[in-house]
Amino acid sequence: MKFDLEIQKEVAKIGMTATLGATVVTSMFMKNSLAKKTHVIAGVTLCGFALWHHMLYQPKTSKKLKNSKEENLQAN
């Protein structure tokens, strides 16, 4: 099942919100080893969701455009 772009954007936003919340909550209990591990994992996951979110908003380039750019570079 393929998800459309809008659903992917929403999932990325929800993921960022949830992991940011987990990072904030676990930051108050850093003396506990489980909370510290959860904090680090949530932070890394937040970075992953942020990168995915960023990539979803990048314009899609077509193969024609890529090929024409390569031909222009080779011609020069």
PDB file of N, CA and C in Angstrom:
ATOM      1  N   MET A   1       0.849  -1.178   0.000  1.00  0.00           N
ATOM      2  CA  MET A   1       0.000   0.000   0.000  1.00  0.00           C
ATOM      3  C   MET A   1       0.894   1.241   0.000  1.00  0.00           C
ATOM      4  N   LYS A   2       0.653   2.118  -0.952  1.00  0.00           N
ATOM      5  CA  LYS A   2       1.463   3.323  -1.073  1.00  0.00           C
ATOM      6  C   LYS A   2       0.725   4.497  -0.421  1.00  0.00           C
ATOM      7  N   PHE A   3       1.444   5.233   0.413  1.00  0.00           N
ATOM      8  CA  PHE A   3       0.861   6.378   1.096  1.00  0.00           C
ATOM      9  C   PHE A   3       1.131   7.631   0.279  1.00  0.00           C
ATOM     10  N   ASP A   4       0.132   8.490   0.185  1.00  0.00           N
ATOM     11  CA  ASP A   4       0.352   9.720  -0.575  1.00  0.00           C
ATOM     12  C   ASP A   4       1.192  10.702   0.238  1.00  0.00           C
ATOM     13  N   LEU A   5       1.622  11.747  -0.419  1.00  0.00           N
ATOM     14  CA  LEU A   5       2.566  12.689   0.172  1.00  0.00           C
ATOM     15  C   LEU A   5       1.989  13.385   1.402  1.00  0.00           C
ATOM     16  N   GLU A   6       0.714  13.709   1.377  1.00  0.00           N
ATOM     17  CA  GLU A   6       0.103  14.411   2.513  1.00  0.00           C
ATOM     18  C   GLU A   6       0.092  13.542   3.772  1.00  0.00           C
ATOM     19  N   ILE A   7      -0.178  12.262   3.614  1.00  0.00           N
ATOM     20  CA  ILE A   7      -0.166  11.364   4.773  1.00  0.00           C
ATOM     21  C   ILE A   7       1.250  11.239   5.319  1.00  0.00           C
ATOM     22  N   GLN A   8       2.236  11.135   4.432  1.00  0.00           N
ATOM     23  CA  GLN A   8       3.625  11.050   4.878  1.00  0.00           C
ATOM     24  C   GLN A   8       4.032  12.304   5.633  1.00  0.00           C
ATOM     25  N   LYS A   9       3.595  13.466   5.167  1.00  0.00           N
ATOM     26  CA  LYS A   9       3.917  14.718   5.855  1.00  0.00           C
ATOM     27  C   LYS A   9       3.307  14.743   7.246  1.00  0.00           C
ATOM     28  N   GLU A  10       2.069  14.288   7.360  1.00  0.00           N
ATOM     29  CA  GLU A  10       1.406  14.266   8.665  1.00  0.00           C
ATOM     30  C   GLU A  10       2.096  13.295   9.619  1.00  0.00           C
ATOM     31  N   VAL A  11       2.472  12.123   9.119  1.00  0.00           N
ATOM     32  CA  VAL A  11       3.150  11.139   9.962  1.00  0.00           C
ATOM     33  C   VAL A  11       4.487  11.692  10.441  1.00  0.00           C
ATOM     34  N   ALA A  12       5.201  12.379   9.560  1.00  0.00           N
ATOM     35  CA  ALA A  12       6.488  12.968   9.949  1.00  0.00           C
ATOM     36  C   ALA A  12       6.291  14.028  11.030  1.00  0.00           C
ATOM     37  N   LYS A  13       5.263  14.849  10.891  1.00  0.00           N
ATOM     38  CA  LYS A  13       4.998  15.889  11.895  1.00  0.00           C
ATOM     39  C   LYS A  13       4.607  15.273  13.240  1.00  0.00           C
ATOM     40  N   ILE A  14       3.761  14.254  13.195  1.00  0.00           N
ATOM     41  CA  ILE A  14       3.346  13.589  14.431  1.00  0.00           C
ATOM     42  C   ILE A  14       4.546  12.914  15.092  1.00  0.00           C
ATOM     43  N   GLY A  15       5.393  12.293  14.293  1.00  0.00           N
ATOM     44  CA  GLY A  15       6.596  11.654  14.827  1.00  0.00           C
ATOM     45  C   GLY A  15       7.531  12.657  15.473  1.00  0.00           C
ATOM     46  N   MET A  16       7.702  13.816  14.820  1.00  0.00           N
ATOM     47  CA  MET A  16       8.561  14.850  15.403  1.00  0.00           C
ATOM     48  C   MET A  16       7.987  15.347  16.719  1.00  0.00           C
ATOM     49  N   THR A  17       6.679  15.535  16.769  1.00  0.00           N
ATOM     50  CA  THR A  17       6.036  16.018  17.987  1.00  0.00           C
ATOM     51  C   THR A  17       6.186  15.008  19.128  1.00  0.00           C
ATOM     52  N   ALA A  18       5.943  13.743  18.821  1.00  0.00           N
ATOM     53  CA  ALA A  18       6.026  12.708  19.859  1.00  0.00           C
ATOM     54  C   ALA A  18       7.449  12.551  20.384  1.00  0.00           C
ATOM     55  N   THR A  19       8.417  12.533  19.488  1.00  0.00           N
ATOM     56  CA  THR A  19       9.796  12.347  19.945  1.00  0.00           C
ATOM     57  C   THR A  19      10.335  13.584  20.653  1.00  0.00           C
ATOM     58  N   LEU A  20       9.880  14.762  20.247  1.00  0.00           N
ATOM     59  CA  LEU A  20      10.279  15.972  20.971  1.00  0.00           C
ATOM     60  C   LEU A  20       9.709  15.934  22.385  1.00  0.00           C
ATOM     61  N   GLY A  21       8.451  15.507  22.514  1.00  0.00           N
ATOM     62  CA  GLY A  21       7.848  15.382  23.837  1.00  0.00           C
ATOM     63  C   GLY A  21       8.586  14.384  24.707  1.00  0.00           C
ATOM     64  N   ALA A  22       8.951  13.241  24.120  1.00  0.00           N
ATOM     65  CA  ALA A  22       9.696  12.236  24.882  1.00  0.00           C
ATOM     66  C   ALA A  22      11.063  12.768  25.299  1.00  0.00           C
ATOM     67  N   THR A  23      11.695  13.538  24.430  1.00  0.00           N
ATOM     68  CA  THR A  23      13.003  14.108  24.760  1.00  0.00           C
ATOM     69  C   THR A  23      12.891  15.102  25.908  1.00  0.00           C
ATOM     70  N   VAL A  24      11.866  15.925  25.868  1.00  0.00           N
ATOM     71  CA  VAL A  24      11.678  16.930  26.925  1.00  0.00           C
ATOM     72  C   VAL A  24      11.362  16.257  28.261  1.00  0.00           C
ATOM     73  N   VAL A  25      10.459  15.298  28.240  1.00  0.00           N
ATOM     74  CA  VAL A  25      10.055  14.640  29.486  1.00  0.00           C
ATOM     75  C   VAL A  25      11.223  13.873  30.099  1.00  0.00           C
ATOM     76  N   THR A  26      11.970  13.153  29.273  1.00  0.00           N
ATOM     77  CA  THR A  26      13.080  12.364  29.820  1.00  0.00           C
ATOM     78  C   THR A  26      14.264  13.228  30.230  1.00  0.00           C
ATOM     79  N   SER A  27      14.300  14.462  29.785  1.00  0.00           N
ATOM     80  CA  SER A  27      15.418  15.340  30.183  1.00  0.00           C
ATOM     81  C   SER A  27      15.370  15.678  31.672  1.00  0.00           C
ATOM     82  N   MET A  28      14.209  15.534  32.274  1.00  0.00           N
ATOM     83  CA  MET A  28      14.073  15.839  33.693  1.00  0.00           C
ATOM     84  C   MET A  28      14.549  14.701  34.592  1.00  0.00           C
ATOM     85  N   PHE A  29      14.790  13.526  34.004  1.00  0.00           N
ATOM     86  CA  PHE A  29      15.151  12.348  34.794  1.00  0.00           C
ATOM     87  C   PHE A  29      16.459  11.731  34.300  1.00  0.00           C
ATOM     88  N   MET A  30      17.449  12.552  34.014  1.00  0.00           N
ATOM     89  CA  MET A  30      18.689  12.075  33.406  1.00  0.00           C
ATOM     90  C   MET A  30      19.547  11.229  34.357  1.00  0.00           C
ATOM     91  N   LYS A  31      19.259  11.231  35.640  1.00  0.00           N
ATOM     92  CA  LYS A  31      20.025  10.395  36.577  1.00  0.00           C
ATOM     93  C   LYS A  31      19.609   8.929  36.476  1.00  0.00           C
ATOM     94  N   ASN A  32      18.418   8.688  35.993  1.00  0.00           N
ATOM     95  CA  ASN A  32      17.923   7.334  35.786  1.00  0.00           C
ATOM     96  C   ASN A  32      18.491   6.807  34.465  1.00  0.00           C
ATOM     97  N   SER A  33      19.093   5.618  34.475  1.00  0.00           N
ATOM     98  CA  SER A  33      19.752   5.111  33.261  1.00  0.00           C
ATOM     99  C   SER A  33      18.747   4.804  32.147  1.00  0.00           C
ATOM    100  N   LEU A  34      17.558   4.309  32.498  1.00  0.00           N
ATOM    101  CA  LEU A  34      16.546   4.040  31.477  1.00  0.00           C
ATOM    102  C   LEU A  34      16.084   5.339  30.827  1.00  0.00           C
ATOM    103  N   ALA A  35      15.882   6.362  31.631  1.00  0.00           N
ATOM    104  CA  ALA A  35      15.464   7.654  31.091  1.00  0.00           C
ATOM    105  C   ALA A  35      16.557   8.253  30.210  1.00  0.00           C
ATOM    106  N   LYS A  36      17.803   8.066  30.599  1.00  0.00           N
ATOM    107  CA  LYS A  36      18.920   8.596  29.809  1.00  0.00           C
ATOM    108  C   LYS A  36      18.982   7.914  28.443  1.00  0.00           C
ATOM    109  N   LYS A  37      18.831   6.579  28.429  1.00  0.00           N
ATOM    110  CA  LYS A  37      18.838   5.841  27.160  1.00  0.00           C
ATOM    111  C   LYS A  37      17.649   6.245  26.294  1.00  0.00           C
ATOM    112  N   THR A  38      16.487   6.384  26.922  1.00  0.00           N
ATOM    113  CA  THR A  38      15.294   6.806  26.190  1.00  0.00           C
ATOM    114  C   THR A  38      15.481   8.202  25.625  1.00  0.00           C
ATOM    115  N   HIS A  39      16.104   9.074  26.385  1.00  0.00           N
ATOM    116  CA  HIS A  39      16.360  10.448  25.951  1.00  0.00           C
ATOM    117  C   HIS A  39      17.245  10.468  24.700  1.00  0.00           C
ATOM    118  N   VAL A  40      18.294   9.682  24.717  1.00  0.00           N
ATOM    119  CA  VAL A  40      19.210   9.643  23.572  1.00  0.00           C
ATOM    120  C   VAL A  40      18.514   9.056  22.346  1.00  0.00           C
ATOM    121  N   ILE A  41      17.792   7.961  22.534  1.00  0.00           N
ATOM    122  CA  ILE A  41      17.091   7.330  21.411  1.00  0.00           C
ATOM    123  C   ILE A  41      16.032   8.264  20.845  1.00  0.00           C
ATOM    124  N   ALA A  42      15.288   8.946  21.718  1.00  0.00           N
ATOM    125  CA  ALA A  42      14.268   9.887  21.253  1.00  0.00           C
ATOM    126  C   ALA A  42      14.903  11.055  20.500  1.00  0.00           C
ATOM    127  N   GLY A  43      16.053  11.516  20.951  1.00  0.00           N
ATOM    128  CA  GLY A  43      16.742  12.606  20.258  1.00  0.00           C
ATOM    129  C   GLY A  43      17.202  12.212  18.873  1.00  0.00           C
ATOM    130  N   VAL A  44      17.763  11.015  18.755  1.00  0.00           N
ATOM    131  CA  VAL A  44      18.206  10.529  17.441  1.00  0.00           C
ATOM    132  C   VAL A  44      17.006  10.324  16.525  1.00  0.00           C
ATOM    133  N   THR A  45      15.935   9.778  17.075  1.00  0.00           N
ATOM    134  CA  THR A  45      14.726   9.573  16.288  1.00  0.00           C
ATOM    135  C   THR A  45      14.133  10.903  15.843  1.00  0.00           C
ATOM    136  N   LEU A  46      14.200  11.908  16.687  1.00  0.00           N
ATOM    137  CA  LEU A  46      13.735  13.246  16.315  1.00  0.00           C
ATOM    138  C   LEU A  46      14.517  13.769  15.118  1.00  0.00           C
ATOM    139  N   CYS A  47      15.813  13.566  15.137  1.00  0.00           N
ATOM    140  CA  CYS A  47      16.641  13.990  13.991  1.00  0.00           C
ATOM    141  C   CYS A  47      16.227  13.249  12.722  1.00  0.00           C
ATOM    142  N   GLY A  48      15.936  11.968  12.846  1.00  0.00           N
ATOM    143  CA  GLY A  48      15.484  11.188  11.690  1.00  0.00           C
ATOM    144  C   GLY A  48      14.165  11.686  11.140  1.00  0.00           C
ATOM    145  N   PHE A  49      13.207  11.955  12.026  1.00  0.00           N
ATOM    146  CA  PHE A  49      11.920  12.488  11.577  1.00  0.00           C
ATOM    147  C   PHE A  49      12.081  13.869  10.947  1.00  0.00           C
ATOM    148  N   ALA A  50      12.954  14.692  11.511  1.00  0.00           N
ATOM    149  CA  ALA A  50      13.179  16.032  10.954  1.00  0.00           C
ATOM    150  C   ALA A  50      13.779  15.950   9.554  1.00  0.00           C
ATOM    151  N   LEU A  51      14.714  15.027   9.357  1.00  0.00           N
ATOM    152  CA  LEU A  51      15.311  14.852   8.030  1.00  0.00           C
ATOM    153  C   LEU A  51      14.277  14.349   7.034  1.00  0.00           C
ATOM    154  N   TRP A  52      13.479  13.383   7.450  1.00  0.00           N
ATOM    155  CA  TRP A  52      12.427  12.858   6.581  1.00  0.00           C
ATOM    156  C   TRP A  52      11.436  13.970   6.229  1.00  0.00           C
ATOM    157  N   HIS A  53      11.036  14.760   7.215  1.00  0.00           N
ATOM    158  CA  HIS A  53      10.116  15.872   7.001  1.00  0.00           C
ATOM    159  C   HIS A  53      10.701  16.862   6.003  1.00  0.00           C
ATOM    160  N   HIS A  54      11.971  17.168   6.141  1.00  0.00           N
ATOM    161  CA  HIS A  54      12.637  18.090   5.221  1.00  0.00           C
ATOM    162  C   HIS A  54      12.634  17.530   3.796  1.00  0.00           C
ATOM    163  N   MET A  55      12.926  16.253   3.659  1.00  0.00           N
ATOM    164  CA  MET A  55      12.995  15.642   2.332  1.00  0.00           C
ATOM    165  C   MET A  55      11.626  15.580   1.660  1.00  0.00           C
ATOM    166  N   LEU A  56      10.567  15.506   2.439  1.00  0.00           N
ATOM    167  CA  LEU A  56       9.224  15.457   1.851  1.00  0.00           C
ATOM    168  C   LEU A  56       8.840  16.777   1.189  1.00  0.00           C
ATOM    169  N   TYR A  57       9.453  17.859   1.599  1.00  0.00           N
ATOM    170  CA  TYR A  57       9.108  19.166   1.053  1.00  0.00           C
ATOM    171  C   TYR A  57      10.034  19.599  -0.081  1.00  0.00           C
ATOM    172  N   GLN A  58      10.968  18.733  -0.483  1.00  0.00           N
ATOM    173  CA  GLN A  58      11.858  19.072  -1.589  1.00  0.00           C
ATOM    174  C   GLN A  58      11.147  18.787  -2.907  1.00  0.00           C
ATOM    175  N   PRO A  59      11.390  19.627  -3.931  1.00  0.00           N
ATOM    176  CA  PRO A  59      10.731  19.389  -5.220  1.00  0.00           C
ATOM    177  C   PRO A  59      11.266  18.113  -5.868  1.00  0.00           C
ATOM    178  N   LYS A  60      10.367  17.419  -6.535  1.00  0.00           N
ATOM    179  CA  LYS A  60      10.761  16.210  -7.252  1.00  0.00           C
ATOM    180  C   LYS A  60      11.348  16.627  -8.595  1.00  0.00           C
ATOM    181  N   THR A  61      12.491  16.073  -8.960  1.00  0.00           N
ATOM    182  CA  THR A  61      13.085  16.382 -10.256  1.00  0.00           C
ATOM    183  C   THR A  61      12.824  15.217 -11.197  1.00  0.00           C
ATOM    184  N   SER A  62      12.532  15.543 -12.429  1.00  0.00           N
ATOM    185  CA  SER A  62      12.247  14.504 -13.406  1.00  0.00           C
ATOM    186  C   SER A  62      13.540  13.993 -14.030  1.00  0.00           C
ATOM    187  N   LYS A  63      13.469  12.824 -14.641  1.00  0.00           N
ATOM    188  CA  LYS A  63      14.644  12.250 -15.290  1.00  0.00           C
ATOM    189  C   LYS A  63      15.052  13.083 -16.495  1.00  0.00           C
ATOM    190  N   LYS A  64      14.059  13.675 -17.177  1.00  0.00           N
ATOM    191  CA  LYS A  64      14.371  14.528 -18.327  1.00  0.00           C
ATOM    192  C   LYS A  64      15.226  15.713 -17.894  1.00  0.00           C
ATOM    193  N   LEU A  65      14.854  16.327 -16.803  1.00  0.00           N
ATOM    194  CA  LEU A  65      15.586  17.491 -16.315  1.00  0.00           C
ATOM    195  C   LEU A  65      17.005  17.103 -15.912  1.00  0.00           C
ATOM    196  N   LYS A  66      17.148  15.965 -15.242  1.00  0.00           N
ATOM    197  CA  LYS A  66      18.480  15.506 -14.854  1.00  0.00           C
ATOM    198  C   LYS A  66      19.338  15.226 -16.081  1.00  0.00           C
ATOM    199  N   ASN A  67      18.746  14.563 -17.086  1.00  0.00           N
ATOM    200  CA  ASN A  67      19.500  14.236 -18.294  1.00  0.00           C
ATOM    201  C   ASN A  67      19.910  15.490 -19.044  1.00  0.00           C
ATOM    202  N   SER A  68      19.024  16.475 -19.119  1.00  0.00           N
ATOM    203  CA  SER A  68      19.373  17.701 -19.835  1.00  0.00           C
ATOM    204  C   SER A  68      20.476  18.467 -19.099  1.00  0.00           C
ATOM    205  N   LYS A  69      20.465  18.438 -17.779  1.00  0.00           N
ATOM    206  CA  LYS A  69      21.532  19.090 -17.013  1.00  0.00           C
ATOM    207  C   LYS A  69      22.869  18.396 -17.257  1.00  0.00           C
ATOM    208  N   GLU A  70      22.840  17.059 -17.279  1.00  0.00           N
ATOM    209  CA  GLU A  70      24.075  16.314 -17.531  1.00  0.00           C
ATOM    210  C   GLU A  70      24.609  16.595 -18.930  1.00  0.00           C
ATOM    211  N   GLU A  71      23.712  16.686 -19.921  1.00  0.00           N
ATOM    212  CA  GLU A  71      24.138  16.973 -21.292  1.00  0.00           C
ATOM    213  C   GLU A  71      24.741  18.367 -21.388  1.00  0.00           C
ATOM    214  N   ASN A  72      24.156  19.324 -20.692  1.00  0.00           N
ATOM    215  CA  ASN A  72      24.691  20.685 -20.703  1.00  0.00           C
ATOM    216  C   ASN A  72      26.076  20.734 -20.065  1.00  0.00           C
ATOM    217  N   LEU A  73      26.269  19.982 -18.996  1.00  0.00           N
ATOM    218  CA  LEU A  73      27.578  19.953 -18.343  1.00  0.00           C
ATOM    219  C   LEU A  73      28.634  19.305 -19.240  1.00  0.00           C
ATOM    220  N   GLN A  74      28.235  18.257 -19.940  1.00  0.00           N
ATOM    221  CA  GLN A  74      29.179  17.572 -20.816  1.00  0.00           C
ATOM    222  C   GLN A  74      29.507  18.414 -22.045  1.00  0.00           C
ATOM    223  N   ALA A  75      28.547  19.201 -22.529  1.00  0.00           N
ATOM    224  CA  ALA A  75      28.768  20.041 -23.711  1.00  0.00           C
ATOM    225  C   ALA A  75      29.734  21.175 -23.395  1.00  0.00           C
ATOM    226  N   ASN A  76      29.726  21.650 -22.165  1.00  0.00           N
ATOM    227  CA  ASN A  76      30.621  22.753 -21.786  1.00  0.00           C
ATOM    228  C   ASN A  76      31.929  22.202 -21.458  1.00  0.00           C
TER     229      ASN A  76
END
